[in-house]
C-alpha atoms as a PDB file:
ATOM      1  CA  MET A   1       0.000   0.000   0.000  1.00  0.00           C
ATOM      2  CA  LYS A   2       2.802   2.389   0.878  1.00  0.00           C
ATOM      3  CA  SER A   3       4.501   1.682  -2.425  1.00  0.00           C
ATOM      4  CA  ALA A   4       1.283   2.455  -4.332  1.00  0.00           C
ATOM      5  CA  ALA A   5       0.802   5.647  -2.369  1.00  0.00           C
ATOM      6  CA  LYS A   6       4.320   6.794  -3.186  1.00  0.00           C
ATOM      7  CA  SER A   7       4.048   6.020  -6.895  1.00  0.00           C
ATOM      8  CA  SER A   8       0.725   7.829  -7.392  1.00  0.00           C
ATOM      9  CA  PRO A   9       2.103  11.388  -6.890  1.00  0.00           C
ATOM     10  CA  SER A  10       5.092  10.483  -9.074  1.00  0.00           C
ATOM     11  CA  LYS A  11       2.831   9.288 -11.904  1.00  0.00           C
ATOM     12  CA  GLY A  12       0.715  12.412 -11.528  1.00  0.00           C
ATOM     13  CA  ARG A  13       3.740  14.679 -11.859  1.00  0.00           C
ATOM     14  CA  LYS A  14       4.939  12.735 -14.902  1.00  0.00           C
ATOM     15  CA  ALA A  15       1.534  13.009 -16.597  1.00  0.00           C
ATOM     16  CA  GLN A  16       1.389  16.715 -15.842  1.00  0.00           C
ATOM     17  CA  GLY A  17       4.888  17.161 -17.251  1.00  0.00           C
ATOM     18  CA  GLU A  18       3.894  15.379 -20.461  1.00  0.00           C
ATOM     19  CA  ARG A  19       0.804  17.564 -20.830  1.00  0.00           C
ATOM     20  CA  THR A  20       2.862  20.684 -20.301  1.00  0.00           C
ATOM     21  CA  ARG A  21       5.476  19.580 -22.839  1.00  0.00           C
ATOM     22  CA  LYS A  22       2.734  18.837 -25.387  1.00  0.00           C
ATOM     23  CA  ALA A  23       1.181  22.274 -24.857  1.00  0.00           C
ATOM     24  CA  ILE A  24       4.575  23.930 -25.275  1.00  0.00           C
ATOM     25  CA  LEU A  25       5.264  22.104 -28.538  1.00  0.00           C
ATOM     26  CA  GLU A  26       1.796  22.829 -29.927  1.00  0.00           C
ATOM     27  CA  THR A  27       2.552  26.528 -29.534  1.00  0.00           C
ATOM     28  CA  ALA A  28       6.135  26.102 -30.758  1.00  0.00           C
ATOM     29  CA  VAL A  29       5.160  24.576 -34.120  1.00  0.00           C
ATOM     30  CA  HIS A  30       2.896  27.513 -34.946  1.00  0.00           C
ATOM     31  CA  ILE A  31       5.513  30.104 -33.974  1.00  0.00           C
ATOM     32  CA  ALA A  32       8.219  28.275 -35.925  1.00  0.00           C
ATOM     33  CA  SER A  33       6.082  27.864 -39.059  1.00  0.00           C
ATOM     34  CA  ALA A  34       5.412  31.616 -39.167  1.00  0.00           C
ATOM     35  CA  GLU A  35       8.593  33.091 -37.675  1.00  0.00           C
ATOM     36  CA  GLY A  36      11.184  30.378 -38.243  1.00  0.00           C
ATOM     37  CA  LEU A  37      12.893  27.910 -35.940  1.00  0.00           C
ATOM     38  CA  GLU A  38      15.610  30.473 -35.214  1.00  0.00           C
ATOM     39  CA  GLY A  39      12.922  32.809 -33.896  1.00  0.00           C
ATOM     40  CA  LEU A  40      11.842  30.073 -31.515  1.00  0.00           C
ATOM     41  CA  THR A  41      13.516  30.809 -28.186  1.00  0.00           C
ATOM     42  CA  ILE A  42      12.834  29.908 -24.582  1.00  0.00           C
ATOM     43  CA  GLY A  43      12.070  33.580 -23.933  1.00  0.00           C
ATOM     44  CA  ARG A  44       9.657  33.809 -26.890  1.00  0.00           C
ATOM     45  CA  LEU A  45       7.782  30.718 -25.745  1.00  0.00           C
ATOM     46  CA  ALA A  46       7.711  31.842 -22.118  1.00  0.00           C
ATOM     47  CA  LEU A  47       6.060  35.078 -23.213  1.00  0.00           C
ATOM     48  CA  GLU A  48       3.549  33.302 -25.463  1.00  0.00           C
ATOM     49  CA  LEU A  49       2.606  30.715 -22.826  1.00  0.00           C
ATOM     50  CA  SER A  50       2.902  32.960 -19.755  1.00  0.00           C
ATOM     51  CA  MET A  51       5.407  30.536 -18.263  1.00  0.00           C
ATOM     52  CA  SER A  52       8.717  31.093 -16.550  1.00  0.00           C
ATOM     53  CA  LYS A  53      11.927  30.510 -18.483  1.00  0.00           C
ATOM     54  CA  SER A  54      13.087  28.110 -15.768  1.00  0.00           C
ATOM     55  CA  GLY A  55       9.905  26.083 -16.242  1.00  0.00           C
ATOM     56  CA  LEU A  56      10.606  25.795 -19.952  1.00  0.00           C
ATOM     57  CA  PHE A  57      14.260  24.894 -19.390  1.00  0.00           C
ATOM     58  CA  ALA A  58      13.053  21.919 -17.331  1.00  0.00           C
ATOM     59  CA  HIS A  59      11.610  20.467 -20.559  1.00  0.00           C
ATOM     60  CA  PHE A  60      14.261  21.625 -23.055  1.00  0.00           C
ATOM     61  CA  GLY A  61      17.863  22.007 -21.997  1.00  0.00           C
ATOM     62  CA  SER A  62      18.916  24.087 -24.994  1.00  0.00           C
ATOM     63  CA  LYS A  63      17.563  25.975 -27.985  1.00  0.00           C
ATOM     64  CA  GLU A  64      18.673  23.161 -30.283  1.00  0.00           C
ATOM     65  CA  ASP A  65      16.813  20.582 -28.165  1.00  0.00           C
ATOM     66  CA  LEU A  66      13.698  22.760 -28.431  1.00  0.00           C
ATOM     67  CA  GLN A  67      14.081  23.074 -32.196  1.00  0.00           C
ATOM     68  CA  VAL A  68      14.501  19.320 -32.747  1.00  0.00           C
ATOM     69  CA  ALA A  69      11.541  18.560 -30.471  1.00  0.00           C
ATOM     70  CA  THR A  70       9.453  21.090 -32.410  1.00  0.00           C
ATOM     71  CA  VAL A  71      10.375  19.418 -35.708  1.00  0.00           C
ATOM     72  CA  GLU A  72       9.284  16.049 -34.269  1.00  0.00           C
ATOM     73  CA  ALA A  73       6.002  17.533 -33.043  1.00  0.00           C
ATOM     74  CA  ALA A  74       5.351  18.989 -36.506  1.00  0.00           C
ATOM     75  CA  ARG A  75       6.040  15.581 -38.063  1.00  0.00           C
ATOM     76  CA  ALA A  76       3.460  13.955 -35.766  1.00  0.00           C
ATOM     77  CA  ILE A  77       0.874  16.556 -36.785  1.00  0.00           C
ATOM     78  CA  PHE A  78       1.679  16.038 -40.474  1.00  0.00           C
ATOM     79  CA  ILE A  79       1.200  12.280 -40.128  1.00  0.00           C
ATOM     80  CA  ARG A  80      -2.125  12.820 -38.367  1.00  0.00           C
ATOM     81  CA  GLU A  81      -3.406  15.403 -40.856  1.00  0.00           C
ATOM     82  CA  VAL A  82      -2.064  14.075 -44.168  1.00  0.00           C
ATOM     83  CA  ILE A  83      -0.606  10.558 -44.088  1.00  0.00           C
ATOM     84  CA  LYS A  84      -3.239   8.737 -42.028  1.00  0.00           C
ATOM     85  CA  PRO A  85      -6.272  10.126 -43.931  1.00  0.00           C
ATOM     86  CA  ALA A  86      -4.611   9.401 -47.286  1.00  0.00           C
ATOM     87  CA  PHE A  87      -3.801   5.839 -46.252  1.00  0.00           C
ATOM     88  CA  GLU A  88      -7.486   5.179 -45.635  1.00  0.00           C
ATOM     89  CA  SER A  89      -7.728   4.917 -49.439  1.00  0.00           C
ATOM     90  CA  ALA A  90      -6.774   1.715 -51.201  1.00  0.00           C
ATOM     91  CA  GLN A  91      -3.249   1.357 -52.554  1.00  0.00           C
ATOM     92  CA  GLY A  92      -2.800   2.671 -56.053  1.00  0.00           C
ATOM     93  CA  LEU A  93      -3.944   5.713 -57.970  1.00  0.00           C
ATOM     94  CA  LEU A  94      -6.550   6.813 -55.431  1.00  0.00           C
ATOM     95  CA  ARG A  95      -4.050   6.799 -52.564  1.00  0.00           C
ATOM     96  CA  LEU A  96      -1.542   8.729 -54.676  1.00  0.00           C
ATOM     97  CA  TRP A  97      -4.161  11.345 -55.499  1.00  0.00           C
ATOM     98  CA  LYS A  98      -5.244  11.560 -51.853  1.00  0.00           C
ATOM     99  CA  LEU A  99      -1.679  12.149 -50.676  1.00  0.00           C
ATOM    100  CA  CYS A 100      -1.347  15.139 -53.024  1.00  0.00           C
ATOM    101  CA  ASP A 101      -4.868  16.460 -52.533  1.00  0.00           C
ATOM    102  CA  ILE A 102      -4.836  16.263 -48.734  1.00  0.00           C
ATOM    103  CA  TRP A 103      -1.372  17.875 -48.632  1.00  0.00           C
ATOM    104  CA  LEU A 104      -2.799  20.891 -50.469  1.00  0.00           C
ATOM    105  CA  ALA A 105      -5.839  20.953 -48.184  1.00  0.00           C
ATOM    106  CA  TYR A 106      -3.582  20.834 -45.121  1.00  0.00           C
ATOM    107  CA  VAL A 107      -1.826  24.026 -46.225  1.00  0.00           C
ATOM    108  CA  GLN A 108      -5.023  25.744 -47.341  1.00  0.00           C
ATOM    109  CA  SER A 109      -6.855  25.020 -44.076  1.00  0.00           C
ATOM    110  CA  GLY A 110      -4.101  26.495 -41.902  1.00  0.00           C
ATOM    111  CA  VAL A 111      -3.015  23.448 -39.922  1.00  0.00           C
ATOM    112  CA  PHE A 112       0.139  25.454 -39.211  1.00  0.00           C
ATOM    113  CA  ARG A 113      -0.013  29.207 -38.782  1.00  0.00           C
ATOM    114  CA  GLY A 114       2.667  29.852 -41.401  1.00  0.00           C
ATOM    115  CA  GLY A 115       1.720  27.284 -44.042  1.00  0.00           C
ATOM    116  CA  CYS A 116       3.665  24.075 -44.537  1.00  0.00           C
ATOM    117  CA  PHE A 117       5.982  23.758 -41.541  1.00  0.00           C
ATOM    118  CA  PHE A 118       8.558  21.707 -43.430  1.00  0.00           C
ATOM    119  CA  ALA A 119       8.678  23.971 -46.470  1.00  0.00           C
ATOM    120  CA  ALA A 120       9.529  26.878 -44.169  1.00  0.00           C
ATOM    121  CA  ALA A 121      11.979  24.879 -42.054  1.00  0.00           C
ATOM    122  CA  ALA A 122      13.777  23.425 -45.091  1.00  0.00           C
ATOM    123  CA  ALA A 123      14.245  26.884 -46.612  1.00  0.00           C
ATOM    124  CA  GLU A 124      15.560  28.197 -43.302  1.00  0.00           C
ATOM    125  CA  PHE A 125      18.009  25.365 -42.556  1.00  0.00           C
ATOM    126  CA  ASP A 126      19.052  24.024 -45.964  1.00  0.00           C
ATOM    127  CA  SER A 127      22.507  25.610 -45.655  1.00  0.00           C
ATOM    128  CA  ARG A 128      22.963  25.181 -41.890  1.00  0.00           C
ATOM    129  CA  PRO A 129      24.646  21.860 -41.011  1.00  0.00           C
ATOM    130  CA  GLY A 130      23.646  20.241 -37.747  1.00  0.00           C
ATOM    131  CA  PRO A 131      21.059  18.034 -36.020  1.00  0.00           C
ATOM    132  CA  VAL A 132      18.100  20.300 -36.863  1.00  0.00           C
ATOM    133  CA  ARG A 133      18.910  20.383 -40.597  1.00  0.00           C
ATOM    134  CA  ASP A 134      19.604  16.639 -40.621  1.00  0.00           C
ATOM    135  CA  ARG A 135      16.208  15.813 -39.107  1.00  0.00           C
ATOM    136  CA  ILE A 136      14.358  18.157 -41.460  1.00  0.00           C
ATOM    137  CA  ALA A 137      16.132  16.546 -44.427  1.00  0.00           C
ATOM    138  CA  GLU A 138      15.205  13.052 -43.216  1.00  0.00           C
ATOM    139  CA  ILE A 139      11.538  13.996 -42.893  1.00  0.00           C
ATOM    140  CA  MET A 140      11.461  15.592 -46.342  1.00  0.00           C
ATOM    141  CA  LYS A 141      12.979  12.374 -47.736  1.00  0.00           C
ATOM    142  CA  GLU A 142      10.241  10.421 -45.972  1.00  0.00           C
ATOM    143  CA  TRP A 143       7.592  12.451 -47.795  1.00  0.00           C
ATOM    144  CA  LEU A 144       9.252  12.009 -51.187  1.00  0.00           C
ATOM    145  CA  ALA A 145       9.594   8.288 -50.513  1.00  0.00           C
ATOM    146  CA  THR A 146       5.908   8.093 -49.564  1.00  0.00           C
ATOM    147  CA  LEU A 147       4.937   9.730 -52.860  1.00  0.00           C
ATOM    148  CA  ARG A 148       7.290   7.485 -54.830  1.00  0.00           C
ATOM    149  CA  ASN A 149       6.004   4.339 -53.109  1.00  0.00           C
ATOM    150  CA  ALA A 150       2.410   5.327 -53.918  1.00  0.00           C
ATOM    151  CA  ILE A 151       3.381   5.773 -57.568  1.00  0.00           C
ATOM    152  CA  VAL A 152       5.092   2.365 -57.662  1.00  0.00           C
ATOM    153  CA  GLU A 153       2.041   0.770 -56.029  1.00  0.00           C
ATOM    154  CA  ALA A 154      -0.190   2.326 -58.706  1.00  0.00           C
ATOM    155  CA  GLN A 155       2.141   0.962 -61.388  1.00  0.00           C
ATOM    156  CA  THR A 156       2.140  -2.498 -59.795  1.00  0.00           C
ATOM    157  CA  ALA A 157      -1.675  -2.406 -59.682  1.00  0.00           C
ATOM    158  CA  GLY A 158      -1.706  -1.703 -63.409  1.00  0.00           C
ATOM    159  CA  GLN A 159      -3.205   1.777 -62.909  1.00  0.00           C
ATOM    160  CA  LEU A 160      -0.216   3.856 -64.030  1.00  0.00           C
ATOM    161  CA  ASN A 161       2.143   3.370 -66.961  1.00  0.00           C
ATOM    162  CA  LYS A 162       5.074   1.254 -65.773  1.00  0.00           C
ATOM    163  CA  GLU A 163       7.460   3.104 -68.073  1.00  0.00           C
ATOM    164  CA  ILE A 164       7.304   6.381 -66.137  1.00  0.00           C
ATOM    165  CA  ASP A 165      10.080   7.259 -63.703  1.00  0.00           C
ATOM    166  CA  ALA A 166       8.474   7.114 -60.235  1.00  0.00           C
ATOM    167  CA  THR A 167      11.220   9.219 -58.657  1.00  0.00           C
ATOM    168  CA  GLN A 168      10.795  11.930 -61.280  1.00  0.00           C
ATOM    169  CA  LEU A 169       7.008  12.025 -60.907  1.00  0.00           C
ATOM    170  CA  ALA A 170       7.290  12.219 -57.103  1.00  0.00           C
ATOM    171  CA  PHE A 171       9.687  15.137 -57.538  1.00  0.00           C
ATOM    172  CA  GLU A 172       7.211  16.913 -59.837  1.00  0.00           C
ATOM    173  CA  PHE A 173       4.268  16.432 -57.490  1.00  0.00           C
ATOM    174  CA  ASN A 174       6.294  17.670 -54.521  1.00  0.00           C
ATOM    175  CA  SER A 175       7.420  20.714 -56.540  1.00  0.00           C
ATOM    176  CA  LEU A 176       3.830  21.573 -57.441  1.00  0.00           C
ATOM    177  CA  GLU A 177       2.803  21.303 -53.791  1.00  0.00           C
ATOM    178  CA  LEU A 178       5.655  23.493 -52.583  1.00  0.00           C
ATOM    179  CA  GLY A 179       4.909  26.017 -55.329  1.00  0.00           C
ATOM    180  CA  ALA A 180       1.289  26.221 -54.199  1.00  0.00           C
ATOM    181  CA  ASN A 181       2.395  26.750 -50.591  1.00  0.00           C
ATOM    182  CA  TRP A 182       4.794  29.514 -51.672  1.00  0.00           C
ATOM    183  CA  ALA A 183       2.202  31.377 -53.769  1.00  0.00           C
ATOM    184  CA  PHE A 184      -0.425  31.123 -51.037  1.00  0.00           C
ATOM    185  CA  GLN A 185       1.900  32.341 -48.280  1.00  0.00           C
ATOM    186  CA  LEU A 186       3.351  35.187 -50.343  1.00  0.00           C
ATOM    187  CA  TYR A 187       0.265  36.367 -52.219  1.00  0.00           C
ATOM    188  CA  GLY A 188      -2.662  34.864 -50.330  1.00  0.00           C
ATOM    189  CA  ASP A 189      -3.866  33.481 -53.659  1.00  0.00           C
ATOM    190  CA  LEU A 190      -6.345  30.638 -53.066  1.00  0.00           C
ATOM    191  CA  ARG A 191      -6.445  29.892 -56.796  1.00  0.00           C
ATOM    192  CA  THR A 192      -2.979  28.391 -56.495  1.00  0.00           C
ATOM    193  CA  PHE A 193      -4.455  25.247 -54.949  1.00  0.00           C
ATOM    194  CA  LYS A 194      -6.795  24.752 -57.903  1.00  0.00           C
ATOM    195  CA  ARG A 195      -3.876  25.219 -60.280  1.00  0.00           C
ATOM    196  CA  ALA A 196      -1.748  22.682 -58.416  1.00  0.00           C
ATOM    197  CA  ARG A 197      -4.563  20.136 -58.332  1.00  0.00           C
ATOM    198  CA  GLU A 198      -5.220  20.570 -62.055  1.00  0.00           C
ATOM    199  CA  ALA A 199      -1.523  20.111 -62.843  1.00  0.00           C
ATOM    200  CA  ILE A 200      -1.329  16.943 -60.728  1.00  0.00           C
ATOM    201  CA  ARG A 201      -4.506  15.507 -62.247  1.00  0.00           C
ATOM    202  CA  GLU A 202      -3.244  16.300 -65.739  1.00  0.00           C
ATOM    203  CA  ARG A 203      -0.141  14.201 -65.106  1.00  0.00           C
ATOM    204  CA  LEU A 204      -2.163  11.390 -63.584  1.00  0.00           C
ATOM    205  CA  SER A 205      -4.531  11.424 -66.568  1.00  0.00           C
ATOM    206  CA  ARG A 206      -1.601  11.412 -68.974  1.00  0.00           C
ATOM    207  CA  TYR A 207       0.022   8.372 -67.361  1.00  0.00           C
ATOM    208  CA  ALA A 208      -3.093   6.445 -66.243  1.00  0.00           C
ATOM    209  CA  THR A 209      -3.784   3.103 -67.889  1.00  0.00           C
ATOM    210  CA  ALA A 210      -7.189   1.924 -69.063  1.00  0.00           C
ATOM    211  CA  ALA A 211      -7.674   0.400 -65.611  1.00  0.00           C
ATOM    212  CA  GLY A 212      -6.558   3.528 -63.776  1.00  0.00           C
ATOM    213  CA  ALA A 213      -8.356   6.242 -65.773  1.00  0.00           C
ATOM    214  CA  PRO A 214     -11.853   5.522 -64.333  1.00  0.00           C
ATOM    215  CA  LEU A 215     -10.490   6.008 -60.808  1.00  0.00           C
ATOM    216  CA  LEU A 216      -9.753   9.657 -61.539  1.00  0.00           C
ATOM    217  CA  SER A 217     -13.469  10.327 -62.077  1.00  0.00           C
ATOM    218  CA  ILE A 218     -14.205   9.358 -58.469  1.00  0.00           C
ATOM    219  CA  ALA A 219     -11.177  11.148 -56.990  1.00  0.00           C
ATOM    220  CA  LYS A 220     -12.696  14.346 -55.646  1.00  0.00           C
ATOM    221  CA  PRO A 221     -10.740  17.297 -54.189  1.00  0.00           C
ATOM    222  CA  GLN A 222     -10.554  17.519 -50.406  1.00  0.00           C
ATOM    223  CA  THR A 223     -12.824  20.157 -48.861  1.00  0.00           C
ATOM    224  CA  SER A 224     -10.690  22.630 -46.894  1.00  0.00           C
ATOM    225  CA  ARG A 225     -11.938  24.432 -43.844  1.00  0.00           C
ATOM    226  CA  ALA A 226     -10.159  27.416 -42.353  1.00  0.00           C
ATOM    227  CA  ARG A 227      -9.018  26.877 -38.775  1.00  0.00           C
ATOM    228  CA  ALA A 228      -9.338  29.318 -35.952  1.00  0.00           C
END
């Protein structure tokens, strides 16, 4: 009984610490997406969250630790908002379309305050060697690999021409997505998402086989809703 009584307060403190860390990182990803990871400091977060700097230091020993943890938190949100919904579709052309379509919807709906977190972070850290840049690069490679794998699956299913270069097509789709994010963030132009979707569908239509073409008629654009 004594042992249980002693462990209960300890578990409570641990759970509270985890909740606090989660709340800190939820705020951090939005600040970093809009102001950059370099603008993310213990002092900036303390002001935003009305917490003491010492309280924040208890969770993150250094600015670099905070930045890496923020990148990981952003990755978890991206998986929740883009990858998991897209993977509810069957392997093949529909899943490939959903990955691209939901990515565009995720930017348009304002999941992150400053648009695509990883587009902003990659631009900020592409010439800065270190753990933060390395993790951002790994996550960007994960996304490109996810696109490429979806293309290969569509080819294997006989829905896309097997002669096309899957790596090249993944690169093109990613470029169209990043271009849409850039135009929306810089100009506030919502039409950029329609343009990107049309360009992606045009390529899918061009390379679809007789078995894959009918799937495009049931692939509808994701409805985006602005977030508070």
